Amino acid sequence: MFVLSFASSFVLACILQVAAVPHHAPPAMRQADISVVTQMSSTQLNEIAPYAHFASAAYCPPIIINGWKCGGACHAVPDFKVSLTGGNDGSIQYYYVGYWPTQNTVVVAHEGTDPTNFLADLTDAYGLVERLDSTLFPGVASNVKLHSGFADEHARTARTILKEVKSLISQYNAKSVTLVGHSLGGALAEIECVFMALNLPSSIAIKGVTFGTPRVGNPAWAALFDSLVPDFQRINHKKDIVPIVPGRELGFSHVHGEVHIISEGDAVQCPGDDDATDLRCTMRSVPSLFLGNIVDHLGPYQGIFMGSCI
């Protein structure tokens, strides 16, 4: 049921988004050699695992996260201290905020697309691009636009989460904020990276790690993101179709930082934003919905599956 409804929703979204802005080429500053990929070492792949655990844990309800008793995901980062949880797995995705002493960072994680929740599927799949809310994203140019469903979902919790992040930075003298999520949660984490960069002191480093993230905004969004958030990885798994929607022809573009898992223990870092030409990168290895596999969306990412509270 989930596979069919999720894929169908994305196809419908692509058909309906006729009003999206035209696609423009990214600025020259982001046009590195888009034909050169970098093989990931085993050490680099292992470093992804804690962030995958954080993203996986976001599928658990607050009653479980509050005690940090979510099974393997919580056991993998035992020193993590939860300070805020929220969401109802419906109109608001689950989320949590806390402090990770090992990295002296505040972590914010958002739930992804729950296969059993039709409302979340719909939020994940549908929406035209819209201008950013200037009260949340001060000083951003009017040509920077986001998927409206993602922007609306982010706005519901943005101020609450920012308040908690600021409190934890002050309490622990944290030096960075780390945003994580899978699927819709990845889209929210991507938006939150820019939100935090614009609303926190410049001395606070922003890091993002997302998994199976769809395109979130237009090329102007990608350019802004790349300039504000250099420490970012968006990790795609095999033939997952979610990272190729909504379509580029509808005015959407990925940001930088693609890591493509080709098989277990084999992954590459892909250059550029949404324009890598190597066959091992998602743009070339999954050229259409019909040549992908929605099952790959759930992982595993370094042995870690997403989509349910395990």
C-alpha atoms as a PDB file:
ATOM      1  CA  MET A   1       0.000   0.000   0.000  1.00  0.00           C
ATOM      2  CA  PHE A   2       2.736   2.486   0.965  1.00  0.00           C
ATOM      3  CA  VAL A   3       4.883   1.806  -2.105  1.00  0.00           C
ATOM      4  CA  LEU A   4       2.022   2.413  -4.500  1.00  0.00           C
ATOM      5  CA  SER A   5       0.515   5.435  -2.721  1.00  0.00           C
ATOM      6  CA  PHE A   6       3.901   7.122  -2.125  1.00  0.00           C
ATOM      7  CA  ALA A   7       5.136   6.682  -5.704  1.00  0.00           C
ATOM      8  CA  SER A   8       1.736   7.644  -7.113  1.00  0.00           C
ATOM      9  CA  SER A   9       1.635  10.776  -4.984  1.00  0.00           C
ATOM     10  CA  PHE A  10       5.006  11.894  -6.310  1.00  0.00           C
ATOM     11  CA  VAL A  11       3.925  11.279  -9.905  1.00  0.00           C
ATOM     12  CA  LEU A  12       0.728  13.252  -9.267  1.00  0.00           C
ATOM     13  CA  ALA A  13       2.734  16.045  -7.704  1.00  0.00           C
ATOM     14  CA  CYS A  14       4.946  16.268 -10.764  1.00  0.00           C
ATOM     15  CA  ILE A  15       1.921  16.499 -13.040  1.00  0.00           C
ATOM     16  CA  LEU A  16       0.182  19.143 -10.934  1.00  0.00           C
ATOM     17  CA  GLN A  17       3.148  21.434 -10.430  1.00  0.00           C
ATOM     18  CA  VAL A  18       2.693  23.285 -13.712  1.00  0.00           C
ATOM     19  CA  ALA A  19       3.050  26.655 -12.014  1.00  0.00           C
ATOM     20  CA  ALA A  20       6.546  26.055 -10.709  1.00  0.00           C
ATOM     21  CA  VAL A  21       9.258  28.494 -11.682  1.00  0.00           C
ATOM     22  CA  PRO A  22      11.604  27.721 -14.595  1.00  0.00           C
ATOM     23  CA  HIS A  23      14.859  25.972 -13.848  1.00  0.00           C
ATOM     24  CA  HIS A  24      17.914  28.202 -13.996  1.00  0.00           C
ATOM     25  CA  ALA A  25      21.523  27.037 -14.081  1.00  0.00           C
ATOM     26  CA  PRO A  26      23.281  27.345 -10.702  1.00  0.00           C
ATOM     27  CA  PRO A  27      25.839  30.142 -10.362  1.00  0.00           C
ATOM     28  CA  ALA A  28      29.337  29.504 -11.660  1.00  0.00           C
ATOM     29  CA  MET A  29      30.767  29.398  -8.126  1.00  0.00           C
ATOM     30  CA  ARG A  30      29.036  26.025  -7.627  1.00  0.00           C
ATOM     31  CA  GLN A  31      30.110  24.557 -10.940  1.00  0.00           C
ATOM     32  CA  ALA A  32      33.084  22.485  -9.905  1.00  0.00           C
ATOM     33  CA  ASP A  33      34.129  19.600 -12.134  1.00  0.00           C
ATOM     34  CA  ILE A  34      30.819  17.753 -12.201  1.00  0.00           C
ATOM     35  CA  SER A  35      32.349  14.689 -13.828  1.00  0.00           C
ATOM     36  CA  VAL A  36      34.705  13.773 -10.972  1.00  0.00           C
ATOM     37  CA  VAL A  37      33.492  11.679  -8.037  1.00  0.00           C
ATOM     38  CA  THR A  38      35.364  10.694  -4.877  1.00  0.00           C
ATOM     39  CA  GLN A  39      35.292   7.185  -3.478  1.00  0.00           C
ATOM     40  CA  MET A  40      34.239   7.077   0.186  1.00  0.00           C
ATOM     41  CA  SER A  41      36.609   5.272   2.544  1.00  0.00           C
ATOM     42  CA  SER A  42      35.369   2.782   5.132  1.00  0.00           C
ATOM     43  CA  THR A  43      36.174   5.337   7.826  1.00  0.00           C
ATOM     44  CA  GLN A  44      34.061   7.985   6.123  1.00  0.00           C
ATOM     45  CA  LEU A  45      31.172   5.549   5.747  1.00  0.00           C
ATOM     46  CA  ASN A  46      31.353   4.546   9.398  1.00  0.00           C
ATOM     47  CA  GLU A  47      31.178   8.209  10.382  1.00  0.00           C
ATOM     48  CA  ILE A  48      27.720   8.378   8.792  1.00  0.00           C
ATOM     49  CA  ALA A  49      26.276   5.757  11.154  1.00  0.00           C
ATOM     50  CA  PRO A  50      25.551   7.931  14.237  1.00  0.00           C
ATOM     51  CA  TYR A  51      23.597  10.386  12.102  1.00  0.00           C
ATOM     52  CA  ALA A  52      21.615   7.533  10.563  1.00  0.00           C
ATOM     53  CA  HIS A  53      20.778   6.354  14.075  1.00  0.00           C
ATOM     54  CA  PHE A  54      19.579   9.848  15.006  1.00  0.00           C
ATOM     55  CA  ALA A  55      17.406   9.990  11.857  1.00  0.00           C
ATOM     56  CA  SER A  56      16.019   6.512  12.510  1.00  0.00           C
ATOM     57  CA  ALA A  57      15.159   7.398  16.116  1.00  0.00           C
ATOM     58  CA  ALA A  58      13.022  10.298  14.885  1.00  0.00           C
ATOM     59  CA  TYR A  59      10.371   7.781  13.830  1.00  0.00           C
ATOM     60  CA  CYS A  60       9.748   6.971  17.500  1.00  0.00           C
ATOM     61  CA  PRO A  61       7.014   8.768  19.478  1.00  0.00           C
ATOM     62  CA  PRO A  62       7.949  11.269  22.193  1.00  0.00           C
ATOM     63  CA  ILE A  63       7.065   8.855  24.986  1.00  0.00           C
ATOM     64  CA  ILE A  64       9.916   6.602  23.829  1.00  0.00           C
ATOM     65  CA  ILE A  65      12.375   9.339  22.874  1.00  0.00           C
ATOM     66  CA  ASN A  66      11.979  11.157  26.187  1.00  0.00           C
ATOM     67  CA  GLY A  67      13.690   8.274  27.950  1.00  0.00           C
ATOM     68  CA  TRP A  68      16.068   7.675  25.031  1.00  0.00           C
ATOM     69  CA  LYS A  69      14.907   4.041  24.934  1.00  0.00           C
ATOM     70  CA  CYS A  70      14.438   3.458  21.224  1.00  0.00           C
ATOM     71  CA  GLY A  71      16.427   0.252  20.918  1.00  0.00           C
ATOM     72  CA  GLY A  72      19.509   0.027  18.749  1.00  0.00           C
ATOM     73  CA  ALA A  73      19.388   3.627  17.552  1.00  0.00           C
ATOM     74  CA  CYS A  74      19.494   4.978  21.097  1.00  0.00           C
ATOM     75  CA  HIS A  75      22.047   2.418  22.272  1.00  0.00           C
ATOM     76  CA  ALA A  76      24.368   3.540  19.451  1.00  0.00           C
ATOM     77  CA  VAL A  77      24.632   7.072  20.908  1.00  0.00           C
ATOM     78  CA  PRO A  78      24.157   6.395  24.641  1.00  0.00           C
ATOM     79  CA  ASP A  79      25.419   9.753  25.896  1.00  0.00           C
ATOM     80  CA  PHE A  80      22.809  11.759  23.991  1.00  0.00           C
ATOM     81  CA  LYS A  81      20.611  13.911  26.242  1.00  0.00           C
ATOM     82  CA  VAL A  82      17.076  14.607  25.017  1.00  0.00           C
ATOM     83  CA  SER A  83      15.636  17.955  26.099  1.00  0.00           C
ATOM     84  CA  LEU A  84      12.577  18.487  23.879  1.00  0.00           C
ATOM     85  CA  THR A  85      10.231  16.238  21.923  1.00  0.00           C
ATOM     86  CA  GLY A  86       7.117  16.993  19.930  1.00  0.00           C
ATOM     87  CA  GLY A  87       4.831  16.170  17.056  1.00  0.00           C
ATOM     88  CA  ASN A  88       1.803  13.933  16.676  1.00  0.00           C
ATOM     89  CA  ASP A  89       2.801  11.771  13.696  1.00  0.00           C
ATOM     90  CA  GLY A  90       0.072  13.477  11.712  1.00  0.00           C
ATOM     91  CA  SER A  91      -0.284  17.211  11.143  1.00  0.00           C
ATOM     92  CA  ILE A  92       3.138  17.659  12.793  1.00  0.00           C
ATOM     93  CA  GLN A  93       5.914  15.135  12.283  1.00  0.00           C
ATOM     94  CA  TYR A  94       7.667  13.811  15.363  1.00  0.00           C
ATOM     95  CA  TYR A  95      10.818  15.722  16.249  1.00  0.00           C
ATOM     96  CA  TYR A  96      13.308  15.904  19.060  1.00  0.00           C
ATOM     97  CA  VAL A  97      16.133  18.167  20.241  1.00  0.00           C
ATOM     98  CA  GLY A  98      19.013  17.360  22.545  1.00  0.00           C
ATOM     99  CA  TYR A  99      22.694  17.629  23.339  1.00  0.00           C
ATOM    100  CA  TRP A 100      25.381  15.204  22.115  1.00  0.00           C
ATOM    101  CA  PRO A 101      28.445  15.551  24.364  1.00  0.00           C
ATOM    102  CA  THR A 102      30.710  13.452  22.134  1.00  0.00           C
ATOM    103  CA  GLN A 103      30.574  16.138  19.454  1.00  0.00           C
ATOM    104  CA  ASN A 104      29.637  19.087  21.708  1.00  0.00           C
ATOM    105  CA  THR A 105      26.704  19.734  19.403  1.00  0.00           C
ATOM    106  CA  VAL A 106      22.978  20.307  19.657  1.00  0.00           C
ATOM    107  CA  VAL A 107      21.079  17.769  17.526  1.00  0.00           C
ATOM    108  CA  VAL A 108      17.688  18.362  15.923  1.00  0.00           C
ATOM    109  CA  ALA A 109      15.984  15.394  14.247  1.00  0.00           C
ATOM    110  CA  HIS A 110      12.718  15.239  12.304  1.00  0.00           C
ATOM    111  CA  GLU A 111      10.569  12.232  11.495  1.00  0.00           C
ATOM    112  CA  GLY A 112      10.371  11.204   7.865  1.00  0.00           C
ATOM    113  CA  THR A 113       7.555   9.758   5.845  1.00  0.00           C
ATOM    114  CA  ASP A 114       5.642   7.210   7.892  1.00  0.00           C
ATOM    115  CA  PRO A 115       4.388   4.471   5.528  1.00  0.00           C
ATOM    116  CA  THR A 116       1.207   4.096   7.617  1.00  0.00           C
ATOM    117  CA  ASN A 117       0.347   7.787   7.626  1.00  0.00           C
ATOM    118  CA  PHE A 118      -1.403   9.062   4.533  1.00  0.00           C
ATOM    119  CA  LEU A 119      -1.350  12.689   5.649  1.00  0.00           C
ATOM    120  CA  ALA A 120       2.412  12.605   6.011  1.00  0.00           C
ATOM    121  CA  ASP A 121       2.708  10.985   2.577  1.00  0.00           C
ATOM    122  CA  LEU A 122       0.645  13.776   1.072  1.00  0.00           C
ATOM    123  CA  THR A 123       2.644  16.501   2.811  1.00  0.00           C
ATOM    124  CA  ASP A 124       5.829  14.860   1.582  1.00  0.00           C
ATOM    125  CA  ALA A 125       4.738  14.608  -2.007  1.00  0.00           C
ATOM    126  CA  TYR A 126       2.767  17.694  -3.002  1.00  0.00           C
ATOM    127  CA  GLY A 127       3.407  21.417  -3.217  1.00  0.00           C
ATOM    128  CA  LEU A 128       4.327  24.311  -5.419  1.00  0.00           C
ATOM    129  CA  VAL A 129       7.329  26.521  -4.756  1.00  0.00           C
ATOM    130  CA  GLU A 130       6.782  29.629  -2.631  1.00  0.00           C
ATOM    131  CA  ARG A 131       8.837  32.507  -1.266  1.00  0.00           C
ATOM    132  CA  LEU A 132      10.416  32.084   2.130  1.00  0.00           C
ATOM    133  CA  ASP A 133       8.734  33.576   5.190  1.00  0.00           C
ATOM    134  CA  SER A 134      10.776  36.710   5.894  1.00  0.00           C
ATOM    135  CA  THR A 135      10.083  36.462   9.634  1.00  0.00           C
ATOM    136  CA  LEU A 136      11.805  33.064   9.715  1.00  0.00           C
ATOM    137  CA  PHE A 137      14.425  33.723   7.042  1.00  0.00           C
ATOM    138  CA  PRO A 138      15.438  37.385   7.424  1.00  0.00           C
ATOM    139  CA  GLY A 139      17.204  39.070   4.566  1.00  0.00           C
ATOM    140  CA  VAL A 140      16.677  36.323   1.991  1.00  0.00           C
ATOM    141  CA  ALA A 141      16.055  37.476  -1.586  1.00  0.00           C
ATOM    142  CA  SER A 142      12.570  37.099  -3.040  1.00  0.00           C
ATOM    143  CA  ASN A 143      13.756  34.759  -5.797  1.00  0.00           C
ATOM    144  CA  VAL A 144      14.658  32.059  -3.243  1.00  0.00           C
ATOM    145  CA  LYS A 145      11.759  29.621  -3.111  1.00  0.00           C
ATOM    146  CA  LEU A 146      10.809  26.385  -1.341  1.00  0.00           C
ATOM    147  CA  HIS A 147       8.381  23.514  -1.821  1.00  0.00           C
ATOM    148  CA  SER A 148       5.271  24.875  -0.089  1.00  0.00           C
ATOM    149  CA  GLY A 149       4.429  21.666   1.780  1.00  0.00           C
ATOM    150  CA  PHE A 150       7.919  21.433   3.241  1.00  0.00           C
ATOM    151  CA  ALA A 151       7.993  25.150   4.089  1.00  0.00           C
ATOM    152  CA  ASP A 152       4.635  24.973   5.862  1.00  0.00           C
ATOM    153  CA  GLU A 153       5.645  21.874   7.836  1.00  0.00           C
ATOM    154  CA  HIS A 154       8.896  23.530   8.923  1.00  0.00           C
ATOM    155  CA  ALA A 155       7.118  26.718  10.016  1.00  0.00           C
ATOM    156  CA  ARG A 156       4.910  24.805  12.460  1.00  0.00           C
ATOM    157  CA  THR A 157       7.813  23.974  14.761  1.00  0.00           C
ATOM    158  CA  ALA A 158      10.584  26.397  13.747  1.00  0.00           C
ATOM    159  CA  ARG A 159      10.306  28.896  16.588  1.00  0.00           C
ATOM    160  CA  THR A 160       9.841  26.253  19.278  1.00  0.00           C
ATOM    161  CA  ILE A 161      12.888  24.334  18.105  1.00  0.00           C
ATOM    162  CA  LEU A 162      15.024  27.471  17.742  1.00  0.00           C
ATOM    163  CA  LYS A 163      14.220  28.505  21.314  1.00  0.00           C
ATOM    164  CA  GLU A 164      15.328  25.101  22.616  1.00  0.00           C
ATOM    165  CA  VAL A 165      18.482  25.116  20.493  1.00  0.00           C
ATOM    166  CA  LYS A 166      19.487  28.508  21.866  1.00  0.00           C
ATOM    167  CA  SER A 167      18.861  27.293  25.399  1.00  0.00           C
ATOM    168  CA  LEU A 168      21.053  24.212  24.940  1.00  0.00           C
ATOM    169  CA  ILE A 169      23.860  26.222  23.328  1.00  0.00           C
ATOM    170  CA  SER A 170      23.856  28.470  26.372  1.00  0.00           C
ATOM    171  CA  GLN A 171      23.568  25.604  28.857  1.00  0.00           C
ATOM    172  CA  TYR A 172      26.354  23.429  27.434  1.00  0.00           C
ATOM    173  CA  ASN A 173      28.456  25.997  25.566  1.00  0.00           C
ATOM    174  CA  ALA A 174      27.861  23.943  22.429  1.00  0.00           C
ATOM    175  CA  LYS A 175      29.826  24.991  19.374  1.00  0.00           C
ATOM    176  CA  SER A 176      27.582  23.603  16.648  1.00  0.00           C
ATOM    177  CA  VAL A 177      24.064  22.529  15.683  1.00  0.00           C
ATOM    178  CA  THR A 178      23.474  19.318  13.735  1.00  0.00           C
ATOM    179  CA  LEU A 179      20.303  18.769  11.712  1.00  0.00           C
ATOM    180  CA  VAL A 180      19.292  15.250  10.623  1.00  0.00           C
ATOM    181  CA  GLY A 181      16.350  13.484   9.033  1.00  0.00           C
ATOM    182  CA  HIS A 182      15.173  10.937   6.488  1.00  0.00           C
ATOM    183  CA  SER A 183      12.734  11.561   3.619  1.00  0.00           C
ATOM    184  CA  LEU A 184      10.375  14.379   4.658  1.00  0.00           C
ATOM    185  CA  GLY A 185      12.523  14.670   7.784  1.00  0.00           C
ATOM    186  CA  GLY A 186      15.521  15.222   5.539  1.00  0.00           C
ATOM    187  CA  ALA A 187      13.702  18.002   3.707  1.00  0.00           C
ATOM    188  CA  LEU A 188      12.884  19.652   7.033  1.00  0.00           C
ATOM    189  CA  ALA A 189      16.478  19.270   8.200  1.00  0.00           C
ATOM    190  CA  GLU A 190      17.731  20.894   4.996  1.00  0.00           C
ATOM    191  CA  ILE A 191      15.434  23.880   5.499  1.00  0.00           C
ATOM    192  CA  GLU A 192      16.392  24.059   9.152  1.00  0.00           C
ATOM    193  CA  CYS A 193      20.085  24.274   8.266  1.00  0.00           C
ATOM    194  CA  VAL A 194      19.495  27.632   6.589  1.00  0.00           C
ATOM    195  CA  PHE A 195      17.027  28.707   9.279  1.00  0.00           C
ATOM    196  CA  MET A 196      19.624  28.080  11.979  1.00  0.00           C
ATOM    197  CA  ALA A 197      22.421  29.718   9.997  1.00  0.00           C
ATOM    198  CA  LEU A 198      20.334  32.893   9.699  1.00  0.00           C
ATOM    199  CA  ASN A 199      19.080  32.964  13.290  1.00  0.00           C
ATOM    200  CA  LEU A 200      22.109  31.890  15.338  1.00  0.00           C
ATOM    201  CA  PRO A 201      25.445  33.650  15.891  1.00  0.00           C
ATOM    202  CA  SER A 202      27.972  33.104  13.122  1.00  0.00           C
ATOM    203  CA  SER A 203      30.261  31.443  15.667  1.00  0.00           C
ATOM    204  CA  ILE A 204      27.899  28.437  15.803  1.00  0.00           C
ATOM    205  CA  ALA A 205      28.768  25.916  13.097  1.00  0.00           C
ATOM    206  CA  ILE A 206      25.892  24.321  11.190  1.00  0.00           C
ATOM    207  CA  LYS A 207      26.087  20.695  10.070  1.00  0.00           C
ATOM    208  CA  GLY A 208      23.458  18.725   8.169  1.00  0.00           C
ATOM    209  CA  VAL A 209      23.186  15.027   7.356  1.00  0.00           C
ATOM    210  CA  THR A 210      20.068  13.820   5.539  1.00  0.00           C
ATOM    211  CA  PHE A 211      18.948  10.529   4.042  1.00  0.00           C
ATOM    212  CA  GLY A 212      16.740   9.957   0.998  1.00  0.00           C
ATOM    213  CA  THR A 213      15.836  13.632   0.707  1.00  0.00           C
ATOM    214  CA  PRO A 214      13.630  14.948  -2.116  1.00  0.00           C
ATOM    215  CA  ARG A 215      14.390  18.224  -3.850  1.00  0.00           C
ATOM    216  CA  VAL A 216      13.386  21.039  -1.529  1.00  0.00           C
ATOM    217  CA  GLY A 217      13.673  24.335  -3.394  1.00  0.00           C
ATOM    218  CA  ASN A 218      14.650  26.127  -6.572  1.00  0.00           C
ATOM    219  CA  PRO A 219      18.190  26.821  -7.872  1.00  0.00           C
ATOM    220  CA  ALA A 220      18.320  30.105  -5.949  1.00  0.00           C
ATOM    221  CA  TRP A 221      17.627  28.108  -2.770  1.00  0.00           C
ATOM    222  CA  ALA A 222      20.457  25.733  -3.664  1.00  0.00           C
ATOM    223  CA  ALA A 223      22.841  28.645  -4.208  1.00  0.00           C
ATOM    224  CA  LEU A 224      21.891  30.226  -0.869  1.00  0.00           C
ATOM    225  CA  PHE A 225      22.190  26.899   0.936  1.00  0.00           C
ATOM    226  CA  ASP A 226      25.615  26.147  -0.523  1.00  0.00           C
ATOM    227  CA  SER A 227      26.916  29.535   0.594  1.00  0.00           C
ATOM    228  CA  LEU A 228      25.611  29.193   4.160  1.00  0.00           C
ATOM    229  CA  VAL A 229      26.009  25.475   4.935  1.00  0.00           C
ATOM    230  CA  PRO A 230      29.290  24.031   3.626  1.00  0.00           C
ATOM    231  CA  ASP A 231      29.224  21.066   6.048  1.00  0.00           C
ATOM    232  CA  PHE A 232      26.406  19.023   4.567  1.00  0.00           C
ATOM    233  CA  GLN A 233      25.798  15.501   3.289  1.00  0.00           C
ATOM    234  CA  ARG A 234      22.620  14.243   1.624  1.00  0.00           C
ATOM    235  CA  ILE A 235      22.873  10.488   1.383  1.00  0.00           C
ATOM    236  CA  ASN A 236      21.026   8.517  -1.279  1.00  0.00           C
ATOM    237  CA  HIS A 237      20.646   4.743  -1.257  1.00  0.00           C
ATOM    238  CA  LYS A 238      20.959   2.728  -4.463  1.00  0.00           C
ATOM    239  CA  LYS A 239      17.939   3.215  -6.774  1.00  0.00           C
ATOM    240  CA  ASP A 240      15.806   5.290  -4.390  1.00  0.00           C
ATOM    241  CA  ILE A 241      13.394   7.429  -6.439  1.00  0.00           C
ATOM    242  CA  VAL A 242      12.622  10.017  -3.757  1.00  0.00           C
ATOM    243  CA  PRO A 243      15.797  12.074  -4.418  1.00  0.00           C
ATOM    244  CA  ILE A 244      14.760  12.632  -8.055  1.00  0.00           C
ATOM    245  CA  VAL A 245      11.461  14.350  -7.237  1.00  0.00           C
ATOM    246  CA  PRO A 246      10.028  16.943  -7.618  1.00  0.00           C
ATOM    247  CA  GLY A 247      11.533  17.233 -11.098  1.00  0.00           C
ATOM    248  CA  ARG A 248      14.215  19.697 -12.150  1.00  0.00           C
ATOM    249  CA  GLU A 249      12.050  20.658 -15.106  1.00  0.00           C
ATOM    250  CA  LEU A 250       9.531  21.994 -12.585  1.00  0.00           C
ATOM    251  CA  GLY A 251      12.035  24.458 -11.147  1.00  0.00           C
ATOM    252  CA  PHE A 252      13.539  22.375  -8.331  1.00  0.00           C
ATOM    253  CA  SER A 253      17.202  21.737  -7.590  1.00  0.00           C
ATOM    254  CA  HIS A 254      19.146  19.773  -5.017  1.00  0.00           C
ATOM    255  CA  VAL A 255      21.792  21.428  -2.896  1.00  0.00           C
ATOM    256  CA  HIS A 256      25.380  20.193  -2.735  1.00  0.00           C
ATOM    257  CA  GLY A 257      26.706  17.249  -0.719  1.00  0.00           C
ATOM    258  CA  GLU A 258      25.423  14.113  -2.437  1.00  0.00           C
ATOM    259  CA  VAL A 259      26.750  10.796  -1.152  1.00  0.00           C
ATOM    260  CA  HIS A 260      25.448   7.895  -3.212  1.00  0.00           C
ATOM    261  CA  ILE A 261      25.486   4.431  -1.661  1.00  0.00           C
ATOM    262  CA  ILE A 262      25.906   2.057  -4.593  1.00  0.00           C
ATOM    263  CA  SER A 263      26.093  -1.129  -2.548  1.00  0.00           C
ATOM    264  CA  GLU A 264      27.069  -2.119   0.964  1.00  0.00           C
ATOM    265  CA  GLY A 265      30.497  -0.638   1.695  1.00  0.00           C
ATOM    266  CA  ASP A 266      30.636   1.142  -1.675  1.00  0.00           C
ATOM    267  CA  ALA A 267      29.673   4.814  -1.885  1.00  0.00           C
ATOM    268  CA  VAL A 268      30.846   7.926  -3.712  1.00  0.00           C
ATOM    269  CA  GLN A 269      30.763  11.655  -3.052  1.00  0.00           C
ATOM    270  CA  CYS A 270      29.227  13.385  -6.052  1.00  0.00           C
ATOM    271  CA  PRO A 271      30.187  16.943  -7.053  1.00  0.00           C
ATOM    272  CA  GLY A 272      27.948  19.862  -7.891  1.00  0.00           C
ATOM    273  CA  ASP A 273      24.350  20.237  -6.816  1.00  0.00           C
ATOM    274  CA  ASP A 274      22.019  18.404  -9.151  1.00  0.00           C
ATOM    275  CA  ASP A 275      24.234  18.026 -12.164  1.00  0.00           C
ATOM    276  CA  ALA A 276      26.844  15.307 -11.557  1.00  0.00           C
ATOM    277  CA  THR A 277      27.506  13.440 -14.791  1.00  0.00           C
ATOM    278  CA  ASP A 278      29.086  10.266 -13.418  1.00  0.00           C
ATOM    279  CA  LEU A 279      26.974   7.118 -13.796  1.00  0.00           C
ATOM    280  CA  ARG A 280      27.510   6.343 -10.117  1.00  0.00           C
ATOM    281  CA  CYS A 281      25.617   9.466  -9.022  1.00  0.00           C
ATOM    282  CA  THR A 282      21.848   9.565  -8.595  1.00  0.00           C
ATOM    283  CA  MET A 283      21.168  11.893 -11.513  1.00  0.00           C
ATOM    284  CA  ARG A 284      22.519   9.321 -13.956  1.00  0.00           C
ATOM    285  CA  SER A 285      21.854   6.056 -12.128  1.00  0.00           C
ATOM    286  CA  VAL A 286      18.173   6.840 -11.477  1.00  0.00           C
ATOM    287  CA  PRO A 287      17.117   8.907 -14.511  1.00  0.00           C
ATOM    288  CA  SER A 288      13.368   8.342 -14.024  1.00  0.00           C
ATOM    289  CA  LEU A 289      10.797   7.054 -11.550  1.00  0.00           C
ATOM    290  CA  PHE A 290      10.335   3.946 -13.658  1.00  0.00           C
ATOM    291  CA  LEU A 291      14.003   2.953 -13.359  1.00  0.00           C
ATOM    292  CA  GLY A 292      14.163   3.326  -9.594  1.00  0.00           C
ATOM    293  CA  ASN A 293      13.064   1.291  -6.595  1.00  0.00           C
ATOM    294  CA  ILE A 294      11.038   2.849  -3.775  1.00  0.00           C
ATOM    295  CA  VAL A 295      12.098   0.042  -1.418  1.00  0.00           C
ATOM    296  CA  ASP A 296      15.653   1.429  -1.487  1.00  0.00           C
ATOM    297  CA  HIS A 297      14.280   4.538   0.178  1.00  0.00           C
ATOM    298  CA  LEU A 298      14.203   2.746   3.528  1.00  0.00           C
ATOM    299  CA  GLY A 299      17.864   1.739   3.401  1.00  0.00           C
ATOM    300  CA  PRO A 300      19.907   0.295   4.787  1.00  0.00           C
ATOM    301  CA  TYR A 301      22.198   3.275   5.351  1.00  0.00           C
ATOM    302  CA  GLN A 302      25.351   1.751   6.842  1.00  0.00           C
ATOM    303  CA  GLY A 303      23.221  -1.140   8.040  1.00  0.00           C
ATOM    304  CA  ILE A 304      20.500   1.117   9.459  1.00  0.00           C
ATOM    305  CA  PHE A 305      16.931   1.001   8.174  1.00  0.00           C
ATOM    306  CA  MET A 306      14.499   3.917   8.291  1.00  0.00           C
ATOM    307  CA  GLY A 307      10.743   4.207   8.425  1.00  0.00           C
ATOM    308  CA  SER A 308       9.704   2.735  11.762  1.00  0.00           C
ATOM    309  CA  CYS A 309      10.525   2.841  15.442  1.00  0.00           C
ATOM    310  CA  ILE A 310      12.641  -0.257  16.046  1.00  0.00           C
END
